[in-house]
C-alpha atoms as a PDB file:
ATOM      1  CA  MET A   1     170.002 -43.633-149.664  1.00  0.00           C
ATOM      2  CA  ASN A   2     173.201 -42.569-147.969  1.00  0.00           C
ATOM      3  CA  ARG A   3     175.512 -41.663-150.860  1.00  0.00           C
ATOM      4  CA  ILE A   4     178.651 -41.970-148.753  1.00  0.00           C
ATOM      5  CA  PHE A   5     178.320 -45.751-149.175  1.00  0.00           C
ATOM      6  CA  GLY A   6     177.821 -45.791-152.948  1.00  0.00           C
ATOM      7  CA  GLY A   7     175.086 -47.245-155.118  1.00  0.00           C
ATOM      8  CA  LEU A   8     174.929 -50.754-153.639  1.00  0.00           C
ATOM      9  CA  VAL A   9     173.495 -49.528-150.333  1.00  0.00           C
ATOM     10  CA  GLN A  10     169.907 -48.342-150.038  1.00  0.00           C
ATOM     11  CA  GLU A  11     169.435 -48.761-146.293  1.00  0.00           C
ATOM     12  CA  TYR A  12     171.850 -48.895-143.333  1.00  0.00           C
ATOM     13  CA  ARG A  13     171.335 -50.586-139.963  1.00  0.00           C
ATOM     14  CA  GLU A  14     174.051 -50.277-137.328  1.00  0.00           C
ATOM     15  CA  PHE A  15     174.313 -52.317-134.121  1.00  0.00           C
ATOM     16  CA  ASP A  16     176.551 -52.324-131.093  1.00  0.00           C
ATOM     17  CA  ALA A  17     176.337 -56.127-131.035  1.00  0.00           C
ATOM     18  CA  VAL A  18     174.546 -58.757-133.104  1.00  0.00           C
ATOM     19  CA  ASP A  19     174.903 -62.524-133.334  1.00  0.00           C
ATOM     20  CA  SER A  20     175.844 -62.373-137.030  1.00  0.00           C
ATOM     21  CA  THR A  21     175.513 -59.530-139.536  1.00  0.00           C
ATOM     22  CA  ASN A  22     174.881 -62.111-142.274  1.00  0.00           C
ATOM     23  CA  ARG A  23     172.120 -63.811-140.293  1.00  0.00           C
ATOM     24  CA  TYR A  24     170.430 -60.494-139.564  1.00  0.00           C
ATOM     25  CA  ALA A  25     170.687 -59.334-143.182  1.00  0.00           C
ATOM     26  CA  LEU A  26     169.256 -62.562-144.614  1.00  0.00           C
ATOM     27  CA  ASP A  27     166.361 -62.519-142.168  1.00  0.00           C
ATOM     28  CA  ALA A  28     165.639 -58.862-142.987  1.00  0.00           C
ATOM     29  CA  GLY A  29     165.098 -59.888-146.615  1.00  0.00           C
ATOM     30  CA  ILE A  30     165.965 -56.518-148.179  1.00  0.00           C
ATOM     31  CA  VAL A  31     168.186 -56.035-151.230  1.00  0.00           C
ATOM     32  CA  GLY A  32     170.603 -53.145-150.782  1.00  0.00           C
ATOM     33  CA  LEU A  33     170.814 -53.426-146.993  1.00  0.00           C
ATOM     34  CA  LEU A  34     174.051 -52.637-145.168  1.00  0.00           C
ATOM     35  CA  VAL A  35     174.389 -54.115-141.675  1.00  0.00           C
ATOM     36  CA  THR A  36     177.342 -53.352-139.403  1.00  0.00           C
ATOM     37  CA  ALA A  37     178.101 -54.232-135.803  1.00  0.00           C
ATOM     38  CA  ARG A  38     180.814 -53.296-133.329  1.00  0.00           C
ATOM     39  CA  SER A  39     180.909 -56.944-132.259  1.00  0.00           C
ATOM     40  CA  GLN A  40     179.354 -60.293-133.174  1.00  0.00           C
ATOM     41  CA  THR A  41     178.472 -62.964-130.647  1.00  0.00           C
ATOM     42  CA  ARG A  42     178.241 -65.721-133.262  1.00  0.00           C
ATOM     43  CA  GLY A  43     180.260 -64.434-136.186  1.00  0.00           C
ATOM     44  CA  ARG A  44     180.435 -66.968-138.998  1.00  0.00           C
ATOM     45  CA  GLY A  45     183.237 -68.013-141.300  1.00  0.00           C
ATOM     46  CA  THR A  46     183.250 -70.577-144.084  1.00  0.00           C
ATOM     47  CA  LYS A  47     182.372 -74.234-143.459  1.00  0.00           C
ATOM     48  CA  GLY A  48     180.690 -73.447-140.160  1.00  0.00           C
ATOM     49  CA  ARG A  49     183.791 -71.952-138.587  1.00  0.00           C
ATOM     50  CA  THR A  50     183.523 -69.158-136.012  1.00  0.00           C
ATOM     51  CA  TRP A  51     184.748 -65.670-136.938  1.00  0.00           C
ATOM     52  CA  PHE A  52     186.471 -64.144-133.902  1.00  0.00           C
ATOM     53  CA  SER A  53     184.688 -60.808-133.402  1.00  0.00           C
ATOM     54  CA  PRO A  54     185.929 -58.750-130.440  1.00  0.00           C
ATOM     55  CA  HIS A  55     184.164 -55.493-129.618  1.00  0.00           C
ATOM     56  CA  ASP A  56     185.032 -52.137-131.193  1.00  0.00           C
ATOM     57  CA  THR A  57     188.268 -53.341-132.799  1.00  0.00           C
ATOM     58  CA  ASN A  58     187.497 -54.664-136.275  1.00  0.00           C
ATOM     59  CA  LEU A  59     185.050 -54.220-139.139  1.00  0.00           C
ATOM     60  CA  TYR A  60     182.070 -56.563-139.380  1.00  0.00           C
ATOM     61  CA  LEU A  61     179.637 -55.779-142.175  1.00  0.00           C
ATOM     62  CA  THR A  62     177.158 -57.371-144.549  1.00  0.00           C
ATOM     63  CA  VAL A  63     175.749 -56.020-147.806  1.00  0.00           C
ATOM     64  CA  THR A  64     172.811 -57.701-149.511  1.00  0.00           C
ATOM     65  CA  LEU A  65     172.384 -58.216-153.246  1.00  0.00           C
ATOM     66  CA  GLY A  66     169.853 -60.119-155.315  1.00  0.00           C
ATOM     67  CA  GLU A  67     170.175 -63.539-156.959  1.00  0.00           C
ATOM     68  CA  PRO A  68     173.274 -65.439-155.812  1.00  0.00           C
ATOM     69  CA  ASP A  69     176.294 -65.731-158.108  1.00  0.00           C
ATOM     70  CA  GLN A  70     179.367 -67.816-157.229  1.00  0.00           C
ATOM     71  CA  ARG A  71     181.557 -64.965-158.493  1.00  0.00           C
ATOM     72  CA  PHE A  72     180.345 -62.494-155.846  1.00  0.00           C
ATOM     73  CA  SER A  73     183.039 -63.513-153.354  1.00  0.00           C
ATOM     74  CA  ILE A  74     185.760 -62.938-155.957  1.00  0.00           C
ATOM     75  CA  ILE A  75     184.395 -59.532-156.955  1.00  0.00           C
ATOM     76  CA  THR A  76     184.281 -58.609-153.279  1.00  0.00           C
ATOM     77  CA  GLY A  77     187.800 -59.943-152.760  1.00  0.00           C
ATOM     78  CA  VAL A  78     189.127 -57.785-155.590  1.00  0.00           C
ATOM     79  CA  ALA A  79     187.376 -54.737-154.115  1.00  0.00           C
ATOM     80  CA  VAL A  80     188.700 -55.346-150.603  1.00  0.00           C
ATOM     81  CA  HIS A  81     192.170 -56.038-151.990  1.00  0.00           C
ATOM     82  CA  ASP A  82     192.231 -52.655-153.716  1.00  0.00           C
ATOM     83  CA  CYS A  83     191.038 -50.902-150.572  1.00  0.00           C
ATOM     84  CA  LEU A  84     193.575 -52.554-148.270  1.00  0.00           C
ATOM     85  CA  SER A  85     196.395 -52.015-150.755  1.00  0.00           C
ATOM     86  CA  GLU A  86     195.691 -48.288-150.529  1.00  0.00           C
ATOM     87  CA  LEU A  87     195.612 -48.405-146.737  1.00  0.00           C
ATOM     88  CA  CYS A  88     198.814 -50.485-146.483  1.00  0.00           C
ATOM     89  CA  ARG A  89     201.001 -48.817-149.063  1.00  0.00           C
ATOM     90  CA  GLY A  90     204.324 -50.554-149.560  1.00  0.00           C
ATOM     91  CA  ILE A  91     203.066 -53.882-148.151  1.00  0.00           C
ATOM     92  CA  GLU A  92     201.917 -56.650-150.476  1.00  0.00           C
ATOM     93  CA  VAL A  93     198.244 -57.545-150.136  1.00  0.00           C
ATOM     94  CA  GLU A  94     197.116 -60.755-151.844  1.00  0.00           C
ATOM     95  CA  ILE A  95     193.811 -62.438-152.685  1.00  0.00           C
ATOM     96  CA  LYS A  96     193.470 -66.068-151.596  1.00  0.00           C
ATOM     97  CA  TRP A  97     190.738 -67.821-153.551  1.00  0.00           C
ATOM     98  CA  PRO A  98     187.887 -67.936-152.915  1.00  0.00           C
ATOM     99  CA  ASN A  99     187.293 -65.678-149.912  1.00  0.00           C
ATOM    100  CA  ASP A 100     190.371 -64.466-148.005  1.00  0.00           C
ATOM    101  CA  ILE A 101     192.685 -61.458-148.154  1.00  0.00           C
ATOM    102  CA  MET A 102     196.239 -61.979-146.964  1.00  0.00           C
ATOM    103  CA  ILE A 103     199.029 -59.676-145.786  1.00  0.00           C
ATOM    104  CA  SER A 104     202.493 -61.254-145.536  1.00  0.00           C
ATOM    105  CA  GLY A 105     200.927 -64.701-145.671  1.00  0.00           C
ATOM    106  CA  LYS A 106     198.518 -64.027-142.804  1.00  0.00           C
ATOM    107  CA  LYS A 107     194.760 -63.590-143.016  1.00  0.00           C
ATOM    108  CA  VAL A 108     193.490 -60.047-142.536  1.00  0.00           C
ATOM    109  CA  CYS A 109     190.031 -60.426-144.062  1.00  0.00           C
ATOM    110  CA  GLY A 110     187.446 -63.134-144.623  1.00  0.00           C
ATOM    111  CA  ILE A 111     184.461 -62.982-146.976  1.00  0.00           C
ATOM    112  CA  LEU A 112     181.348 -65.125-146.563  1.00  0.00           C
ATOM    113  CA  CYS A 113     178.604 -65.191-149.198  1.00  0.00           C
ATOM    114  CA  GLU A 114     175.342 -66.826-148.141  1.00  0.00           C
ATOM    115  CA  SER A 115     171.959 -66.886-149.830  1.00  0.00           C
ATOM    116  CA  LYS A 116     168.341 -67.246-148.856  1.00  0.00           C
ATOM    117  CA  GLY A 117     166.032 -67.606-151.833  1.00  0.00           C
ATOM    118  CA  ALA A 118     166.782 -64.764-154.242  1.00  0.00           C
ATOM    119  CA  LEU A 119     168.753 -62.782-151.648  1.00  0.00           C
ATOM    120  CA  THR A 120     172.532 -62.866-151.207  1.00  0.00           C
ATOM    121  CA  ALA A 121     174.380 -61.673-148.101  1.00  0.00           C
ATOM    122  CA  ILE A 122     178.027 -60.716-148.561  1.00  0.00           C
ATOM    123  CA  GLY A 123     179.695 -60.721-145.174  1.00  0.00           C
ATOM    124  CA  ILE A 124     183.098 -59.087-144.708  1.00  0.00           C
ATOM    125  CA  GLY A 125     185.256 -59.251-141.615  1.00  0.00           C
ATOM    126  CA  ILE A 126     188.427 -57.147-141.597  1.00  0.00           C
ATOM    127  CA  ASN A 127     190.867 -57.139-138.703  1.00  0.00           C
ATOM    128  CA  VAL A 128     191.566 -53.430-138.294  1.00  0.00           C
ATOM    129  CA  ARG A 129     193.090 -52.564-134.897  1.00  0.00           C
ATOM    130  CA  GLN A 130     193.434 -55.957-133.262  1.00  0.00           C
ATOM    131  CA  THR A 131     196.839 -56.832-131.800  1.00  0.00           C
ATOM    132  CA  ALA A 132     196.088 -59.820-129.510  1.00  0.00           C
ATOM    133  CA  TRP A 133     194.786 -63.191-130.720  1.00  0.00           C
ATOM    134  CA  PRO A 134     193.517 -66.510-129.367  1.00  0.00           C
ATOM    135  CA  ASP A 135     196.182 -69.212-129.379  1.00  0.00           C
ATOM    136  CA  ASP A 136     194.778 -70.915-132.484  1.00  0.00           C
ATOM    137  CA  LEU A 137     195.035 -67.700-134.536  1.00  0.00           C
ATOM    138  CA  ILE A 138     198.397 -66.284-133.441  1.00  0.00           C
ATOM    139  CA  GLU A 139     200.304 -67.831-136.350  1.00  0.00           C
ATOM    140  CA  THR A 140     197.711 -67.276-139.071  1.00  0.00           C
ATOM    141  CA  ALA A 141     195.958 -63.938-138.461  1.00  0.00           C
ATOM    142  CA  THR A 142     196.979 -60.310-138.660  1.00  0.00           C
ATOM    143  CA  SER A 143     195.359 -56.877-138.715  1.00  0.00           C
ATOM    144  CA  LEU A 144     195.977 -53.630-140.560  1.00  0.00           C
ATOM    145  CA  SER A 145     197.568 -52.086-137.470  1.00  0.00           C
ATOM    146  CA  ALA A 146     199.662 -55.162-136.679  1.00  0.00           C
ATOM    147  CA  ALA A 147     200.952 -55.356-140.259  1.00  0.00           C
ATOM    148  CA  THR A 148     201.787 -51.674-140.700  1.00  0.00           C
ATOM    149  CA  GLY A 149     202.262 -50.223-137.213  1.00  0.00           C
ATOM    150  CA  MET A 150     199.725 -47.536-138.114  1.00  0.00           C
ATOM    151  CA  GLU A 151     196.408 -46.555-136.548  1.00  0.00           C
ATOM    152  CA  TYR A 152     193.165 -46.971-138.482  1.00  0.00           C
ATOM    153  CA  GLU A 153     189.590 -45.974-137.781  1.00  0.00           C
ATOM    154  CA  VAL A 154     186.979 -48.633-138.503  1.00  0.00           C
ATOM    155  CA  PRO A 155     184.493 -46.184-140.141  1.00  0.00           C
ATOM    156  CA  GLN A 156     187.246 -45.006-142.495  1.00  0.00           C
ATOM    157  CA  VAL A 157     187.984 -48.582-143.569  1.00  0.00           C
ATOM    158  CA  MET A 158     184.263 -49.268-144.009  1.00  0.00           C
ATOM    159  CA  ARG A 159     183.727 -46.288-146.292  1.00  0.00           C
ATOM    160  CA  GLN A 160     186.667 -47.196-148.482  1.00  0.00           C
ATOM    161  CA  VAL A 161     185.618 -50.844-148.710  1.00  0.00           C
ATOM    162  CA  LEU A 162     182.080 -49.925-149.713  1.00  0.00           C
ATOM    163  CA  ASN A 163     183.269 -47.418-152.291  1.00  0.00           C
ATOM    164  CA  ARG A 164     185.521 -50.060-153.860  1.00  0.00           C
ATOM    165  CA  MET A 165     182.718 -52.618-153.808  1.00  0.00           C
ATOM    166  CA  ASP A 166     180.455 -50.145-155.555  1.00  0.00           C
ATOM    167  CA  GLN A 167     183.082 -49.576-158.257  1.00  0.00           C
ATOM    168  CA  TRP A 168     183.822 -53.251-158.883  1.00  0.00           C
ATOM    169  CA  PHE A 169     180.231 -54.451-158.861  1.00  0.00           C
ATOM    170  CA  HIS A 170     179.373 -51.636-161.278  1.00  0.00           C
ATOM    171  CA  THR A 171     182.232 -52.853-163.488  1.00  0.00           C
ATOM    172  CA  PHE A 172     180.935 -56.425-163.273  1.00  0.00           C
ATOM    173  CA  TYR A 173     177.365 -55.507-164.177  1.00  0.00           C
ATOM    174  CA  GLU A 174     178.444 -53.187-167.005  1.00  0.00           C
ATOM    175  CA  ASN A 175     181.445 -55.048-168.469  1.00  0.00           C
ATOM    176  CA  GLY A 176     181.197 -58.635-167.261  1.00  0.00           C
ATOM    177  CA  PHE A 177     183.620 -60.732-165.245  1.00  0.00           C
ATOM    178  CA  GLN A 178     186.749 -60.330-167.389  1.00  0.00           C
ATOM    179  CA  PRO A 179     188.052 -57.125-165.693  1.00  0.00           C
ATOM    180  CA  VAL A 180     187.536 -58.762-162.288  1.00  0.00           C
ATOM    181  CA  ARG A 181     189.275 -61.946-163.450  1.00  0.00           C
ATOM    182  CA  GLN A 182     192.236 -59.934-164.729  1.00  0.00           C
ATOM    183  CA  ARG A 183     192.638 -58.109-161.421  1.00  0.00           C
ATOM    184  CA  PHE A 184     192.453 -61.381-159.524  1.00  0.00           C
ATOM    185  CA  LEU A 185     195.174 -62.895-161.704  1.00  0.00           C
ATOM    186  CA  GLU A 186     197.400 -59.906-160.921  1.00  0.00           C
ATOM    187  CA  HIS A 187     197.098 -60.374-157.161  1.00  0.00           C
ATOM    188  CA  GLY A 188     195.764 -63.880-156.503  1.00  0.00           C
ATOM    189  CA  LEU A 189     198.352 -66.335-157.819  1.00  0.00           C
ATOM    190  CA  LEU A 190     200.223 -66.502-154.467  1.00  0.00           C
ATOM    191  CA  LYS A 191     203.477 -67.191-156.291  1.00  0.00           C
ATOM    192  CA  GLY A 192     205.608 -66.350-153.272  1.00  0.00           C
ATOM    193  CA  HIS A 193     204.032 -69.085-151.150  1.00  0.00           C
ATOM    194  CA  ARG A 194     203.961 -72.851-150.997  1.00  0.00           C
ATOM    195  CA  ILE A 195     200.326 -73.827-151.532  1.00  0.00           C
ATOM    196  CA  ARG A 196     198.598 -77.071-150.572  1.00  0.00           C
ATOM    197  CA  THR A 197     195.213 -78.509-151.488  1.00  0.00           C
ATOM    198  CA  GLU A 198     192.733 -79.725-148.882  1.00  0.00           C
ATOM    199  CA  GLU A 199     194.245 -83.178-149.421  1.00  0.00           C
ATOM    200  CA  GLY A 200     197.695 -81.860-148.472  1.00  0.00           C
ATOM    201  CA  LEU A 201     199.128 -81.945-152.011  1.00  0.00           C
ATOM    202  CA  ASP A 202     201.438 -79.207-153.289  1.00  0.00           C
ATOM    203  CA  CYS A 203     199.920 -77.147-156.093  1.00  0.00           C
ATOM    204  CA  THR A 204     200.267 -73.950-158.076  1.00  0.00           C
ATOM    205  CA  ILE A 205     197.528 -71.618-159.291  1.00  0.00           C
ATOM    206  CA  VAL A 206     197.267 -71.511-163.075  1.00  0.00           C
ATOM    207  CA  ASP A 207     194.127 -69.564-163.973  1.00  0.00           C
ATOM    208  CA  LEU A 208     190.662 -68.391-162.995  1.00  0.00           C
ATOM    209  CA  ASP A 209     187.849 -69.120-165.447  1.00  0.00           C
ATOM    210  CA  MET A 210     184.914 -66.886-166.297  1.00  0.00           C
ATOM    211  CA  GLU A 211     182.685 -68.686-163.793  1.00  0.00           C
ATOM    212  CA  GLY A 212     185.073 -67.977-160.919  1.00  0.00           C
ATOM    213  CA  ARG A 213     186.465 -71.516-160.778  1.00  0.00           C
ATOM    214  CA  LEU A 214     190.157 -71.910-160.006  1.00  0.00           C
ATOM    215  CA  LEU A 215     192.488 -73.931-162.218  1.00  0.00           C
ATOM    216  CA  ILE A 216     195.404 -75.433-160.306  1.00  0.00           C
ATOM    217  CA  ASN A 217     198.348 -77.663-161.197  1.00  0.00           C
ATOM    218  CA  VAL A 218     198.755 -80.653-158.892  1.00  0.00           C
ATOM    219  CA  SER A 219     201.801 -82.806-159.684  1.00  0.00           C
ATOM    220  CA  GLY A 220     201.622 -81.898-163.360  1.00  0.00           C
ATOM    221  CA  LYS A 221     197.865 -82.489-163.643  1.00  0.00           C
ATOM    222  CA  LEU A 222     195.354 -79.672-164.045  1.00  0.00           C
ATOM    223  CA  LYS A 223     192.384 -79.605-161.697  1.00  0.00           C
ATOM    224  CA  THR A 224     189.424 -77.229-161.525  1.00  0.00           C
ATOM    225  CA  LEU A 225     188.205 -76.130-158.105  1.00  0.00           C
ATOM    226  CA  VAL A 226     184.574 -75.091-157.815  1.00  0.00           C
ATOM    227  CA  SER A 227     184.713 -74.838-154.023  1.00  0.00           C
ATOM    228  CA  GLY A 228     187.048 -75.771-151.217  1.00  0.00           C
ATOM    229  CA  SER A 229     190.134 -74.247-149.667  1.00  0.00           C
ATOM    230  CA  LEU A 230     193.811 -73.798-150.360  1.00  0.00           C
ATOM    231  CA  PHE A 231     196.372 -73.687-147.562  1.00  0.00           C
ATOM    232  CA  LEU A 232     199.591 -71.679-147.358  1.00  0.00           C
ATOM    233  CA  GLU A 233     202.642 -73.393-145.879  1.00  0.00           C
ATOM    234  CA  ARG A 234     204.236 -71.362-143.116  1.00  0.00           C
END
């Protein structure tokens, strides 16, 4: 075990390029595996979307855990939020349920949890040094360097993310979901933004329950989201 990565990681495999760190990790079938790559040729986002993965610019990693739990993406989001808040001091970093981290209303990180039998792959993509974007991402994506004007090293960001993940998953296993829920509610209500549902309806975030489901207010009616997406108006 490489202790620099904390207790979640028992084995580390590093690649220059791989189709998808999540795909590789699930096929490897090992709990406690960390997979990183300097680029992905078929990086995956939620709902079958592609995750833009240019070479040697951003962080692409997967960590494997055991039995799947729908709260894993929220625990990971809280951990990544804390890490990026430290790296971007003075700039507001927000959690967008269920799997995105936002800076100034733009996406800086995506989280993808996938399972295969009793194995869960937690994929994390963080835009670190990227400054140029495809046309369809110019208005919605950012990076740590673009948001702060500072330089970051990908290995530094990786170490801090993994250390925070180790802390928050330890908290979850020892003390349950309530501390995670509380942290999410501090940084995941997106009060400064206009939020829409997948159906295009305006809504506000009210609460997060102990199963990781989001409670929203849509035109005065409360609705529980088990899955799906919310959209920020620009």
